[in-house]
C-alpha atoms as a PDB file:
ATOM      1  CA  UNK A   1       9.440  -0.286   9.012  1.00  0.00           C
ATOM      2  CA  UNK A   2      11.268   3.032   8.972  1.00  0.00           C
ATOM      3  CA  UNK A   3      13.851   3.810   6.334  1.00  0.00           C
ATOM      4  CA  UNK A   4      16.391   4.542   9.086  1.00  0.00           C
ATOM      5  CA  UNK A   5      16.039   0.943  10.295  1.00  0.00           C
ATOM      6  CA  UNK A   6      18.126  -0.093   7.303  1.00  0.00           C
ATOM      7  CA  UNK A   7      19.944   2.974   6.007  1.00  0.00           C
ATOM      8  CA  UNK A   8      21.959   5.660   7.766  1.00  0.00           C
ATOM      9  CA  UNK A   9      20.908   9.280   7.357  1.00  0.00           C
ATOM     10  CA  UNK A  10      23.993  10.176   5.284  1.00  0.00           C
ATOM     11  CA  UNK A  11      23.340   7.265   2.928  1.00  0.00           C
ATOM     12  CA  UNK A  12      19.688   8.282   2.554  1.00  0.00           C
ATOM     13  CA  UNK A  13      20.718  11.820   1.570  1.00  0.00           C
ATOM     14  CA  UNK A  14      23.354  10.512  -0.826  1.00  0.00           C
ATOM     15  CA  UNK A  15      20.831   8.242  -2.570  1.00  0.00           C
ATOM     16  CA  UNK A  16      18.043  10.860  -2.675  1.00  0.00           C
ATOM     17  CA  UNK A  17      20.392  13.416  -4.256  1.00  0.00           C
ATOM     18  CA  UNK A  18      21.573  10.962  -6.922  1.00  0.00           C
ATOM     19  CA  UNK A  19      25.122  10.687  -5.572  1.00  0.00           C
ATOM     20  CA  UNK A  20      24.754   6.981  -4.751  1.00  0.00           C
ATOM     21  CA  UNK A  21      22.849   4.271  -6.623  1.00  0.00           C
ATOM     22  CA  UNK A  22      19.259   3.822  -5.377  1.00  0.00           C
ATOM     23  CA  UNK A  23      18.372   0.918  -3.081  1.00  0.00           C
ATOM     24  CA  UNK A  24      14.997  -0.871  -3.414  1.00  0.00           C
ATOM     25  CA  UNK A  25      14.630  -1.645   0.272  1.00  0.00           C
ATOM     26  CA  UNK A  26      10.822  -1.580   0.114  1.00  0.00           C
ATOM     27  CA  UNK A  27       8.918  -3.514  -2.595  1.00  0.00           C
ATOM     28  CA  UNK A  28       5.205  -3.835  -3.225  1.00  0.00           C
ATOM     29  CA  UNK A  29       4.514  -7.044  -5.137  1.00  0.00           C
ATOM     30  CA  UNK A  30       1.061  -7.349  -6.652  1.00  0.00           C
ATOM     31  CA  UNK A  31       0.833 -11.128  -6.951  1.00  0.00           C
ATOM     32  CA  UNK A  32      -2.524 -11.207  -8.755  1.00  0.00           C
ATOM     33  CA  UNK A  33      -5.282  -8.974 -10.078  1.00  0.00           C
ATOM     34  CA  UNK A  34      -7.905 -11.480  -8.924  1.00  0.00           C
ATOM     35  CA  UNK A  35     -10.123 -10.198  -6.153  1.00  0.00           C
ATOM     36  CA  UNK A  36     -13.180 -11.521  -4.298  1.00  0.00           C
ATOM     37  CA  UNK A  37     -14.546  -8.032  -3.539  1.00  0.00           C
ATOM     38  CA  UNK A  38     -15.953  -5.292  -5.764  1.00  0.00           C
ATOM     39  CA  UNK A  39     -15.040  -2.070  -3.996  1.00  0.00           C
ATOM     40  CA  UNK A  40     -16.704   1.203  -5.022  1.00  0.00           C
ATOM     41  CA  UNK A  41     -13.418   3.111  -5.317  1.00  0.00           C
ATOM     42  CA  UNK A  42     -11.457   0.417  -7.154  1.00  0.00           C
ATOM     43  CA  UNK A  43     -11.446  -1.214 -10.590  1.00  0.00           C
ATOM     44  CA  UNK A  44      -8.797  -3.876  -9.997  1.00  0.00           C
ATOM     45  CA  UNK A  45     -11.378  -6.636  -9.625  1.00  0.00           C
ATOM     46  CA  UNK A  46     -12.232  -6.108 -13.304  1.00  0.00           C
ATOM     47  CA  UNK A  47      -8.659  -6.736 -14.432  1.00  0.00           C
ATOM     48  CA  UNK A  48      -7.761 -10.055 -16.018  1.00  0.00           C
ATOM     49  CA  UNK A  49      -4.856 -11.928 -14.459  1.00  0.00           C
ATOM     50  CA  UNK A  50      -2.821 -13.660 -17.161  1.00  0.00           C
ATOM     51  CA  UNK A  51       0.551 -15.388 -16.976  1.00  0.00           C
ATOM     52  CA  UNK A  52       1.074 -14.854 -13.266  1.00  0.00           C
ATOM     53  CA  UNK A  53       4.375 -15.834 -11.677  1.00  0.00           C
ATOM     54  CA  UNK A  54       4.869 -19.482 -10.739  1.00  0.00           C
ATOM     55  CA  UNK A  55       5.923 -20.175  -7.147  1.00  0.00           C
ATOM     56  CA  UNK A  56       9.437 -21.181  -8.263  1.00  0.00           C
ATOM     57  CA  UNK A  57       9.906 -18.034 -10.351  1.00  0.00           C
ATOM     58  CA  UNK A  58       8.791 -15.903  -7.412  1.00  0.00           C
ATOM     59  CA  UNK A  59      11.425 -17.591  -5.245  1.00  0.00           C
ATOM     60  CA  UNK A  60      14.080 -16.885  -7.869  1.00  0.00           C
ATOM     61  CA  UNK A  61      13.104 -13.202  -7.962  1.00  0.00           C
ATOM     62  CA  UNK A  62      13.116 -13.003  -4.170  1.00  0.00           C
ATOM     63  CA  UNK A  63      16.757 -14.120  -4.273  1.00  0.00           C
ATOM     64  CA  UNK A  64      17.493 -11.379  -6.821  1.00  0.00           C
ATOM     65  CA  UNK A  65      15.811  -8.787  -4.622  1.00  0.00           C
ATOM     66  CA  UNK A  66      17.829  -9.894  -1.612  1.00  0.00           C
ATOM     67  CA  UNK A  67      21.103  -9.465  -3.535  1.00  0.00           C
ATOM     68  CA  UNK A  68      20.301  -5.858  -4.459  1.00  0.00           C
ATOM     69  CA  UNK A  69      19.299  -4.905  -0.922  1.00  0.00           C
ATOM     70  CA  UNK A  70      15.541  -5.424  -0.521  1.00  0.00           C
ATOM     71  CA  UNK A  71      14.561  -5.698   3.142  1.00  0.00           C
ATOM     72  CA  UNK A  72      10.760  -5.759   3.010  1.00  0.00           C
ATOM     73  CA  UNK A  73       8.108  -6.988   0.571  1.00  0.00           C
ATOM     74  CA  UNK A  74       4.446  -6.019   0.816  1.00  0.00           C
ATOM     75  CA  UNK A  75       2.314  -8.618  -0.970  1.00  0.00           C
ATOM     76  CA  UNK A  76      -0.847  -7.121  -2.431  1.00  0.00           C
ATOM     77  CA  UNK A  77      -3.157  -7.505  -5.398  1.00  0.00           C
ATOM     78  CA  UNK A  78      -6.032  -7.854  -6.109  1.00  0.00           C
ATOM     79  CA  UNK A  79      -6.437 -10.083  -3.111  1.00  0.00           C
ATOM     80  CA  UNK A  80      -3.142 -11.922  -2.463  1.00  0.00           C
ATOM     81  CA  UNK A  81      -4.818 -14.663  -0.420  1.00  0.00           C
ATOM     82  CA  UNK A  82      -6.550 -16.025  -3.529  1.00  0.00           C
ATOM     83  CA  UNK A  83      -3.101 -17.448  -4.320  1.00  0.00           C
ATOM     84  CA  UNK A  84      -2.909 -20.641  -2.298  1.00  0.00           C
ATOM     85  CA  UNK A  85       0.907 -20.546  -2.374  1.00  0.00           C
ATOM     86  CA  UNK A  86       1.116 -17.239  -0.474  1.00  0.00           C
ATOM     87  CA  UNK A  87       2.148 -18.854   2.847  1.00  0.00           C
ATOM     88  CA  UNK A  88       4.963 -20.697   1.011  1.00  0.00           C
ATOM     89  CA  UNK A  89       6.108 -17.435  -0.580  1.00  0.00           C
ATOM     90  CA  UNK A  90       6.130 -15.666   2.793  1.00  0.00           C
ATOM     91  CA  UNK A  91       8.016 -18.570   4.372  1.00  0.00           C
ATOM     92  CA  UNK A  92      10.657 -18.295   1.634  1.00  0.00           C
ATOM     93  CA  UNK A  93      11.035 -14.563   2.315  1.00  0.00           C
ATOM     94  CA  UNK A  94      11.564 -15.364   5.987  1.00  0.00           C
ATOM     95  CA  UNK A  95      14.246 -17.870   5.025  1.00  0.00           C
ATOM     96  CA  UNK A  96      15.983 -15.182   2.951  1.00  0.00           C
ATOM     97  CA  UNK A  97      15.835 -12.646   5.791  1.00  0.00           C
ATOM     98  CA  UNK A  98      13.246 -10.441   4.071  1.00  0.00           C
ATOM     99  CA  UNK A  99      10.324  -9.046   6.081  1.00  0.00           C
ATOM    100  CA  UNK A 100       6.894  -9.911   4.675  1.00  0.00           C
ATOM    101  CA  UNK A 101       3.740  -7.840   4.943  1.00  0.00           C
ATOM    102  CA  UNK A 102       0.366  -8.376   3.314  1.00  0.00           C
ATOM    103  CA  UNK A 103      -2.699  -6.398   2.268  1.00  0.00           C
ATOM    104  CA  UNK A 104      -6.010  -8.235   2.476  1.00  0.00           C
ATOM    105  CA  UNK A 105      -9.743  -7.644   2.548  1.00  0.00           C
ATOM    106  CA  UNK A 106      -9.906 -10.310   5.284  1.00  0.00           C
ATOM    107  CA  UNK A 107     -12.440 -12.520   3.532  1.00  0.00           C
ATOM    108  CA  UNK A 108     -10.107 -15.553   3.462  1.00  0.00           C
ATOM    109  CA  UNK A 109      -8.642 -15.260   6.981  1.00  0.00           C
ATOM    110  CA  UNK A 110      -9.837 -18.680   8.122  1.00  0.00           C
ATOM    111  CA  UNK A 111      -8.314 -20.365  11.175  1.00  0.00           C
ATOM    112  CA  UNK A 112      -6.262 -22.603   8.880  1.00  0.00           C
ATOM    113  CA  UNK A 113      -4.957 -19.680   6.828  1.00  0.00           C
ATOM    114  CA  UNK A 114      -4.086 -17.681   9.953  1.00  0.00           C
ATOM    115  CA  UNK A 115      -2.103 -20.644  11.287  1.00  0.00           C
ATOM    116  CA  UNK A 116      -0.200 -20.947   7.991  1.00  0.00           C
ATOM    117  CA  UNK A 117       0.612 -17.216   7.937  1.00  0.00           C
ATOM    118  CA  UNK A 118       1.892 -17.241  11.525  1.00  0.00           C
ATOM    119  CA  UNK A 119       4.057 -20.301  10.828  1.00  0.00           C
ATOM    120  CA  UNK A 120       5.399 -18.727   7.618  1.00  0.00           C
ATOM    121  CA  UNK A 121       6.670 -15.703   9.536  1.00  0.00           C
ATOM    122  CA  UNK A 122       4.379 -12.920   8.322  1.00  0.00           C
ATOM    123  CA  UNK A 123       5.213  -9.735  10.239  1.00  0.00           C
ATOM    124  CA  UNK A 124       2.349  -7.407   9.380  1.00  0.00           C
ATOM    125  CA  UNK A 125      -1.122  -7.584   7.891  1.00  0.00           C
ATOM    126  CA  UNK A 126      -3.026  -4.568   6.578  1.00  0.00           C
ATOM    127  CA  UNK A 127      -6.728  -5.372   6.724  1.00  0.00           C
ATOM    128  CA  UNK A 128      -9.211  -3.222   4.827  1.00  0.00           C
ATOM    129  CA  UNK A 129     -12.042  -2.046   7.056  1.00  0.00           C
ATOM    130  CA  UNK A 130     -13.874   1.088   5.968  1.00  0.00           C
ATOM    131  CA  UNK A 131     -16.469   1.238   8.729  1.00  0.00           C
ATOM    132  CA  UNK A 132     -17.012  -0.565  12.049  1.00  0.00           C
ATOM    133  CA  UNK A 133     -20.398  -1.825  10.858  1.00  0.00           C
ATOM    134  CA  UNK A 134     -22.301  -2.990   7.776  1.00  0.00           C
ATOM    135  CA  UNK A 135     -21.470   0.216   5.869  1.00  0.00           C
ATOM    136  CA  UNK A 136     -18.235  -1.629   5.098  1.00  0.00           C
ATOM    137  CA  UNK A 137     -20.229  -4.312   3.214  1.00  0.00           C
ATOM    138  CA  UNK A 138     -21.863  -1.630   1.049  1.00  0.00           C
ATOM    139  CA  UNK A 139     -18.538   0.002   0.177  1.00  0.00           C
ATOM    140  CA  UNK A 140     -16.868  -3.330  -0.653  1.00  0.00           C
ATOM    141  CA  UNK A 141     -19.981  -4.836  -2.273  1.00  0.00           C
ATOM    142  CA  UNK A 142     -19.733  -8.117  -0.329  1.00  0.00           C
ATOM    143  CA  UNK A 143     -22.627  -9.022   1.959  1.00  0.00           C
ATOM    144  CA  UNK A 144     -21.466 -10.155   5.379  1.00  0.00           C
ATOM    145  CA  UNK A 145     -17.880  -9.033   4.817  1.00  0.00           C
ATOM    146  CA  UNK A 146     -17.671  -6.943   7.995  1.00  0.00           C
ATOM    147  CA  UNK A 147     -18.554  -9.929  10.219  1.00  0.00           C
ATOM    148  CA  UNK A 148     -16.114 -12.163   8.329  1.00  0.00           C
ATOM    149  CA  UNK A 149     -13.289  -9.638   8.747  1.00  0.00           C
ATOM    150  CA  UNK A 150     -13.925  -9.428  12.505  1.00  0.00           C
ATOM    151  CA  UNK A 151     -13.973 -13.230  12.754  1.00  0.00           C
ATOM    152  CA  UNK A 152     -10.742 -13.420  10.734  1.00  0.00           C
ATOM    153  CA  UNK A 153      -8.984 -10.917  13.016  1.00  0.00           C
ATOM    154  CA  UNK A 154     -10.145 -12.834  16.084  1.00  0.00           C
ATOM    155  CA  UNK A 155      -8.815 -16.050  14.501  1.00  0.00           C
ATOM    156  CA  UNK A 156      -5.455 -14.395  13.934  1.00  0.00           C
ATOM    157  CA  UNK A 157      -5.120 -13.058  17.469  1.00  0.00           C
ATOM    158  CA  UNK A 158      -6.174 -16.399  18.950  1.00  0.00           C
ATOM    159  CA  UNK A 159      -3.561 -18.310  16.959  1.00  0.00           C
ATOM    160  CA  UNK A 160      -0.828 -15.680  17.096  1.00  0.00           C
ATOM    161  CA  UNK A 161      -0.512 -15.677  20.880  1.00  0.00           C
ATOM    162  CA  UNK A 162       2.953 -14.076  20.832  1.00  0.00           C
ATOM    163  CA  UNK A 163       1.630 -11.217  18.672  1.00  0.00           C
ATOM    164  CA  UNK A 164       4.230 -11.876  15.992  1.00  0.00           C
ATOM    165  CA  UNK A 165       1.978 -10.245  13.393  1.00  0.00           C
ATOM    166  CA  UNK A 166       1.223  -6.526  13.633  1.00  0.00           C
ATOM    167  CA  UNK A 167      -2.413  -5.915  12.718  1.00  0.00           C
ATOM    168  CA  UNK A 168      -3.069  -2.620  10.956  1.00  0.00           C
ATOM    169  CA  UNK A 169      -6.507  -1.458   9.824  1.00  0.00           C
ATOM    170  CA  UNK A 170      -6.640   0.404   6.509  1.00  0.00           C
ATOM    171  CA  UNK A 171      -9.648   2.700   6.303  1.00  0.00           C
ATOM    172  CA  UNK A 172     -10.379   4.557   3.086  1.00  0.00           C
ATOM    173  CA  UNK A 173     -12.082   7.855   3.949  1.00  0.00           C
ATOM    174  CA  UNK A 174     -14.940   8.827   1.628  1.00  0.00           C
ATOM    175  CA  UNK A 175     -18.461  10.245   1.603  1.00  0.00           C
ATOM    176  CA  UNK A 176     -19.974   6.963   2.723  1.00  0.00           C
ATOM    177  CA  UNK A 177     -17.955   6.552   5.925  1.00  0.00           C
ATOM    178  CA  UNK A 178     -16.206   9.742   7.088  1.00  0.00           C
ATOM    179  CA  UNK A 179     -18.772  10.234   9.870  1.00  0.00           C
ATOM    180  CA  UNK A 180     -17.891   6.789  11.264  1.00  0.00           C
ATOM    181  CA  UNK A 181     -14.276   7.622  12.165  1.00  0.00           C
ATOM    182  CA  UNK A 182     -14.842   7.901  15.935  1.00  0.00           C
ATOM    183  CA  UNK A 183     -16.774   4.618  15.979  1.00  0.00           C
ATOM    184  CA  UNK A 184     -13.489   2.802  15.456  1.00  0.00           C
ATOM    185  CA  UNK A 185     -12.744   3.567  19.110  1.00  0.00           C
ATOM    186  CA  UNK A 186     -15.450   1.071  20.112  1.00  0.00           C
ATOM    187  CA  UNK A 187     -14.234  -1.454  17.530  1.00  0.00           C
ATOM    188  CA  UNK A 188     -11.026  -1.823  19.546  1.00  0.00           C
ATOM    189  CA  UNK A 189     -13.144  -3.293  22.356  1.00  0.00           C
ATOM    190  CA  UNK A 190     -14.392  -6.028  19.994  1.00  0.00           C
ATOM    191  CA  UNK A 191     -11.172  -7.017  18.244  1.00  0.00           C
ATOM    192  CA  UNK A 192      -7.537  -6.365  19.098  1.00  0.00           C
ATOM    193  CA  UNK A 193      -5.563  -4.436  16.474  1.00  0.00           C
ATOM    194  CA  UNK A 194      -2.351  -2.419  16.755  1.00  0.00           C
ATOM    195  CA  UNK A 195      -2.776   0.566  14.465  1.00  0.00           C
ATOM    196  CA  UNK A 196      -5.122   2.262  12.040  1.00  0.00           C
ATOM    197  CA  UNK A 197      -4.385   4.049   8.791  1.00  0.00           C
ATOM    198  CA  UNK A 198      -6.914   6.605   7.556  1.00  0.00           C
ATOM    199  CA  UNK A 199      -6.403   6.881   3.798  1.00  0.00           C
ATOM    200  CA  UNK A 200      -8.210   9.751   2.083  1.00  0.00           C
ATOM    201  CA  UNK A 201      -9.769   9.149  -1.300  1.00  0.00           C
ATOM    202  CA  UNK A 202      -8.167  11.686  -3.656  1.00  0.00           C
ATOM    203  CA  UNK A 203      -9.736  14.713  -2.061  1.00  0.00           C
ATOM    204  CA  UNK A 204      -9.728  16.906  -5.131  1.00  0.00           C
ATOM    205  CA  UNK A 205     -12.866  17.031  -7.264  1.00  0.00           C
ATOM    206  CA  UNK A 206     -11.068  18.963 -10.009  1.00  0.00           C
ATOM    207  CA  UNK A 207      -8.572  16.082 -10.286  1.00  0.00           C
ATOM    208  CA  UNK A 208     -11.431  13.580 -10.688  1.00  0.00           C
ATOM    209  CA  UNK A 209     -13.165  15.739 -13.319  1.00  0.00           C
ATOM    210  CA  UNK A 210      -9.910  16.015 -15.262  1.00  0.00           C
ATOM    211  CA  UNK A 211      -9.460  12.230 -15.258  1.00  0.00           C
ATOM    212  CA  UNK A 212     -13.025  11.671 -16.458  1.00  0.00           C
ATOM    213  CA  UNK A 213     -12.383  13.927 -19.456  1.00  0.00           C
ATOM    214  CA  UNK A 214      -9.049  12.282 -20.269  1.00  0.00           C
ATOM    215  CA  UNK A 215      -8.195   9.600 -22.813  1.00  0.00           C
ATOM    216  CA  UNK A 216      -6.657   7.041 -20.448  1.00  0.00           C
ATOM    217  CA  UNK A 217      -9.276   4.276 -20.111  1.00  0.00           C
ATOM    218  CA  UNK A 218      -7.899   2.946 -16.808  1.00  0.00           C
ATOM    219  CA  UNK A 219      -7.878   6.289 -14.983  1.00  0.00           C
ATOM    220  CA  UNK A 220     -11.157   7.299 -16.607  1.00  0.00           C
ATOM    221  CA  UNK A 221     -12.815   4.250 -15.076  1.00  0.00           C
ATOM    222  CA  UNK A 222     -11.162   4.924 -11.717  1.00  0.00           C
ATOM    223  CA  UNK A 223     -12.530   8.481 -11.841  1.00  0.00           C
ATOM    224  CA  UNK A 224     -16.040   7.233 -12.604  1.00  0.00           C
ATOM    225  CA  UNK A 225     -15.919   4.895  -9.596  1.00  0.00           C
ATOM    226  CA  UNK A 226     -14.549   7.596  -7.332  1.00  0.00           C
ATOM    227  CA  UNK A 227     -17.016  10.316  -8.290  1.00  0.00           C
ATOM    228  CA  UNK A 228     -19.552   9.369  -5.633  1.00  0.00           C
ATOM    229  CA  UNK A 229     -16.816   8.736  -3.051  1.00  0.00           C
ATOM    230  CA  UNK A 230     -14.799  11.957  -3.129  1.00  0.00           C
ATOM    231  CA  UNK A 231     -15.262  14.292  -0.169  1.00  0.00           C
ATOM    232  CA  UNK A 232     -16.478  17.831  -0.657  1.00  0.00           C
ATOM    233  CA  UNK A 233     -14.374  20.568   0.954  1.00  0.00           C
ATOM    234  CA  UNK A 234     -16.843  20.760   3.852  1.00  0.00           C
ATOM    235  CA  UNK A 235     -16.734  16.973   4.338  1.00  0.00           C
ATOM    236  CA  UNK A 236     -12.951  16.960   4.071  1.00  0.00           C
ATOM    237  CA  UNK A 237     -12.734  19.573   6.823  1.00  0.00           C
ATOM    238  CA  UNK A 238     -15.043  17.511   9.028  1.00  0.00           C
ATOM    239  CA  UNK A 239     -13.029  14.344   8.358  1.00  0.00           C
ATOM    240  CA  UNK A 240      -9.823  16.079   9.445  1.00  0.00           C
ATOM    241  CA  UNK A 241     -11.498  17.257  12.643  1.00  0.00           C
ATOM    242  CA  UNK A 242     -12.673  13.718  13.427  1.00  0.00           C
ATOM    243  CA  UNK A 243      -9.224  12.265  12.771  1.00  0.00           C
ATOM    244  CA  UNK A 244      -7.738  14.756  15.220  1.00  0.00           C
ATOM    245  CA  UNK A 245     -10.356  13.822  17.831  1.00  0.00           C
ATOM    246  CA  UNK A 246      -9.627  10.146  17.213  1.00  0.00           C
ATOM    247  CA  UNK A 247      -5.936  10.754  17.749  1.00  0.00           C
ATOM    248  CA  UNK A 248      -6.599  12.459  21.072  1.00  0.00           C
ATOM    249  CA  UNK A 249      -8.872   9.695  22.370  1.00  0.00           C
ATOM    250  CA  UNK A 250      -7.361   6.506  20.948  1.00  0.00           C
ATOM    251  CA  UNK A 251      -4.709   4.435  22.675  1.00  0.00           C
ATOM    252  CA  UNK A 252      -3.548   3.394  19.230  1.00  0.00           C
ATOM    253  CA  UNK A 253      -0.835   4.177  16.740  1.00  0.00           C
ATOM    254  CA  UNK A 254      -2.274   6.363  13.996  1.00  0.00           C
ATOM    255  CA  UNK A 255      -0.344   5.330  10.886  1.00  0.00           C
ATOM    256  CA  UNK A 256       0.560   8.043   8.396  1.00  0.00           C
ATOM    257  CA  UNK A 257      -1.190  10.632  10.518  1.00  0.00           C
ATOM    258  CA  UNK A 258       0.341  13.459   8.503  1.00  0.00           C
ATOM    259  CA  UNK A 259      -0.813  11.890   5.242  1.00  0.00           C
ATOM    260  CA  UNK A 260      -4.413  12.212   6.389  1.00  0.00           C
ATOM    261  CA  UNK A 261      -4.043  15.768   7.643  1.00  0.00           C
ATOM    262  CA  UNK A 262      -1.529  17.701   5.536  1.00  0.00           C
ATOM    263  CA  UNK A 263      -1.227  18.725   1.928  1.00  0.00           C
ATOM    264  CA  UNK A 264       0.901  16.381  -0.201  1.00  0.00           C
ATOM    265  CA  UNK A 265       4.441  17.375  -1.110  1.00  0.00           C
ATOM    266  CA  UNK A 266       5.398  18.048  -4.692  1.00  0.00           C
ATOM    267  CA  UNK A 267       8.735  16.222  -4.694  1.00  0.00           C
ATOM    268  CA  UNK A 268       8.902  12.436  -4.407  1.00  0.00           C
ATOM    269  CA  UNK A 269      11.952  10.617  -3.029  1.00  0.00           C
ATOM    270  CA  UNK A 270      10.223   7.229  -2.724  1.00  0.00           C
ATOM    271  CA  UNK A 271      11.400   6.336  -6.230  1.00  0.00           C
ATOM    272  CA  UNK A 272      14.933   5.873  -4.874  1.00  0.00           C
ATOM    273  CA  UNK A 273      13.850   3.292  -2.291  1.00  0.00           C
ATOM    274  CA  UNK A 274      10.589   1.728  -3.476  1.00  0.00           C
ATOM    275  CA  UNK A 275       8.995   0.125  -6.528  1.00  0.00           C
ATOM    276  CA  UNK A 276       5.995  -1.996  -7.537  1.00  0.00           C
ATOM    277  CA  UNK A 277       5.987  -5.357  -9.326  1.00  0.00           C
ATOM    278  CA  UNK A 278       2.800  -6.160 -11.256  1.00  0.00           C
ATOM    279  CA  UNK A 279       1.293  -9.679 -11.692  1.00  0.00           C
ATOM    280  CA  UNK A 280       2.628  -9.735 -15.273  1.00  0.00           C
ATOM    281  CA  UNK A 281       6.192  -9.017 -14.130  1.00  0.00           C
ATOM    282  CA  UNK A 282       6.018  -5.376 -15.221  1.00  0.00           C
ATOM    283  CA  UNK A 283       7.836  -2.977 -12.911  1.00  0.00           C
ATOM    284  CA  UNK A 284       6.256   0.425 -12.309  1.00  0.00           C
ATOM    285  CA  UNK A 285       7.560   3.179  -9.988  1.00  0.00           C
ATOM    286  CA  UNK A 286       4.583   3.142  -7.617  1.00  0.00           C
ATOM    287  CA  UNK A 287       0.908   2.232  -7.349  1.00  0.00           C
ATOM    288  CA  UNK A 288      -0.174   5.462  -9.072  1.00  0.00           C
ATOM    289  CA  UNK A 289       1.734   4.679 -12.267  1.00  0.00           C
ATOM    290  CA  UNK A 290      -0.063   1.636 -13.673  1.00  0.00           C
ATOM    291  CA  UNK A 291      -0.505   2.408 -17.349  1.00  0.00           C
ATOM    292  CA  UNK A 292       1.669   0.889 -20.090  1.00  0.00           C
ATOM    293  CA  UNK A 293       3.728   4.052 -20.608  1.00  0.00           C
ATOM    294  CA  UNK A 294       4.852   3.814 -16.973  1.00  0.00           C
ATOM    295  CA  UNK A 295       6.336   0.315 -17.280  1.00  0.00           C
ATOM    296  CA  UNK A 296      10.083   0.508 -16.710  1.00  0.00           C
ATOM    297  CA  UNK A 297      10.890  -3.121 -17.453  1.00  0.00           C
ATOM    298  CA  UNK A 298       9.710  -6.681 -16.900  1.00  0.00           C
ATOM    299  CA  UNK A 299      11.429  -9.035 -14.474  1.00  0.00           C
ATOM    300  CA  UNK A 300      10.155 -12.192 -16.131  1.00  0.00           C
ATOM    301  CA  UNK A 301      12.488 -11.459 -19.043  1.00  0.00           C
ATOM    302  CA  UNK A 302      15.127  -9.479 -17.111  1.00  0.00           C
ATOM    303  CA  UNK A 303      16.753  -9.699 -13.713  1.00  0.00           C
ATOM    304  CA  UNK A 304      15.482  -7.091 -11.274  1.00  0.00           C
ATOM    305  CA  UNK A 305      18.793  -5.239 -11.003  1.00  0.00           C
ATOM    306  CA  UNK A 306      18.925  -4.482 -14.737  1.00  0.00           C
ATOM    307  CA  UNK A 307      15.442  -2.920 -14.523  1.00  0.00           C
ATOM    308  CA  UNK A 308      16.059  -0.978 -11.292  1.00  0.00           C
ATOM    309  CA  UNK A 309      19.298   0.528 -12.584  1.00  0.00           C
ATOM    310  CA  UNK A 310      18.254   0.620 -16.244  1.00  0.00           C
ATOM    311  CA  UNK A 311      18.053   3.623 -18.554  1.00  0.00           C
ATOM    312  CA  UNK A 312      14.239   3.909 -18.358  1.00  0.00           C
ATOM    313  CA  UNK A 313      14.294   4.072 -14.572  1.00  0.00           C
ATOM    314  CA  UNK A 314      17.102   6.624 -14.539  1.00  0.00           C
ATOM    315  CA  UNK A 315      15.167   8.868 -16.943  1.00  0.00           C
ATOM    316  CA  UNK A 316      12.004   8.518 -14.880  1.00  0.00           C
ATOM    317  CA  UNK A 317      13.762   9.523 -11.658  1.00  0.00           C
ATOM    318  CA  UNK A 318      15.211  12.536 -13.470  1.00  0.00           C
ATOM    319  CA  UNK A 319      11.736  13.496 -14.729  1.00  0.00           C
ATOM    320  CA  UNK A 320      10.419  13.854 -11.181  1.00  0.00           C
ATOM    321  CA  UNK A 321      12.816  16.701 -10.510  1.00  0.00           C
ATOM    322  CA  UNK A 322      10.326  18.849 -12.433  1.00  0.00           C
ATOM    323  CA  UNK A 323       7.331  17.912 -10.247  1.00  0.00           C
ATOM    324  CA  UNK A 324       5.536  15.206 -12.247  1.00  0.00           C
ATOM    325  CA  UNK A 325       1.807  16.158 -12.239  1.00  0.00           C
ATOM    326  CA  UNK A 326       0.827  12.610 -11.243  1.00  0.00           C
ATOM    327  CA  UNK A 327       2.696  13.064  -7.959  1.00  0.00           C
ATOM    328  CA  UNK A 328       1.303  16.428  -6.902  1.00  0.00           C
ATOM    329  CA  UNK A 329      -1.872  14.980  -5.356  1.00  0.00           C
ATOM    330  CA  UNK A 330      -0.239  11.890  -3.830  1.00  0.00           C
ATOM    331  CA  UNK A 331      -0.509  11.374  -0.071  1.00  0.00           C
ATOM    332  CA  UNK A 332       0.964   7.897   0.235  1.00  0.00           C
ATOM    333  CA  UNK A 333       4.614   8.831   0.666  1.00  0.00           C
ATOM    334  CA  UNK A 334       4.282  12.254   2.265  1.00  0.00           C
ATOM    335  CA  UNK A 335       5.821  11.173   5.580  1.00  0.00           C
ATOM    336  CA  UNK A 336       8.854   9.682   3.836  1.00  0.00           C
ATOM    337  CA  UNK A 337       9.204  12.671   1.529  1.00  0.00           C
ATOM    338  CA  UNK A 338       9.021  15.148   4.378  1.00  0.00           C
ATOM    339  CA  UNK A 339      11.615  13.205   6.385  1.00  0.00           C
ATOM    340  CA  UNK A 340      14.058  12.924   3.459  1.00  0.00           C
ATOM    341  CA  UNK A 341      13.536  16.560   2.498  1.00  0.00           C
ATOM    342  CA  UNK A 342      14.425  17.629   6.038  1.00  0.00           C
ATOM    343  CA  UNK A 343      17.542  15.435   6.006  1.00  0.00           C
ATOM    344  CA  UNK A 344      18.678  17.052   2.749  1.00  0.00           C
ATOM    345  CA  UNK A 345      18.084  20.564   4.111  1.00  0.00           C
ATOM    346  CA  UNK A 346      20.044  19.710   7.280  1.00  0.00           C
ATOM    347  CA  UNK A 347      22.899  18.347   5.190  1.00  0.00           C
ATOM    348  CA  UNK A 348      23.048  21.558   3.146  1.00  0.00           C
ATOM    349  CA  UNK A 349      23.256  23.841   6.193  1.00  0.00           C
END
């Protein structure tokens, strides 16, 4: 989904320059912290999921999101498929005219689950696959996971004959797998997928060292996990070269190509169009702001609109005008930021 699919360029500029109220067209909803994998670069599986949303409350909040202009919801976690009601939630989004996408490690993509997801109207699935072989099992700490993911993707393609669901592969680039990038070319011969997204682990060792010395327990633990994953400058250079070679050889869409190859931008405009809902109902501006101080409201006790347009959110958006340090090393929204920045520059000339 491109932002211009739902908003005109003039409206985008008006929102990004604070002349028009922001529109949350793109939501990430973390339905649960529960996860059936134990990935090297992630600590979410250690989180405790308490007081998660009921199915009925989720439906109520989906209606609220529709009223304020949400057009797409990405369901993530943890592992969203551990919630047995996920197909019902996706079906309700479809009924409300909201596009549903899902992140998954692929472990629970049984034939039955694939059939339910296709029937519910899921439009895109992002499947984590860090290497086209058993290296993936080592990174995710689940024996046999690679084979199960491949089987799950085959199940999905077999059932989804009309190719209603776009299959994207998410590959986290790190020390353990950066030399395997070109091997994904052969993977396409085994299983049919539509695109691949190479996501670099925070490629800045100074950033990791700073986090490890900090007082924030969450980010300190993240830094510890990432220490043996972060690419050296030499490895980073090699990874970029391999991604370029992959692009030249692959008959595939390379998602967020620029995010894997360019330096991140300092200014973030995603906060005017995107937000994240946590399993507890807490609303945070994006996936990189997860600590308590970053919570801008809770939609269990408030309607979404009052949080999105509330005083805390307004102050946070204003704070990013001064280049929030947490955003400087972010790659996730670089394509969006670059596009919006160019629109603003064009509008000023």
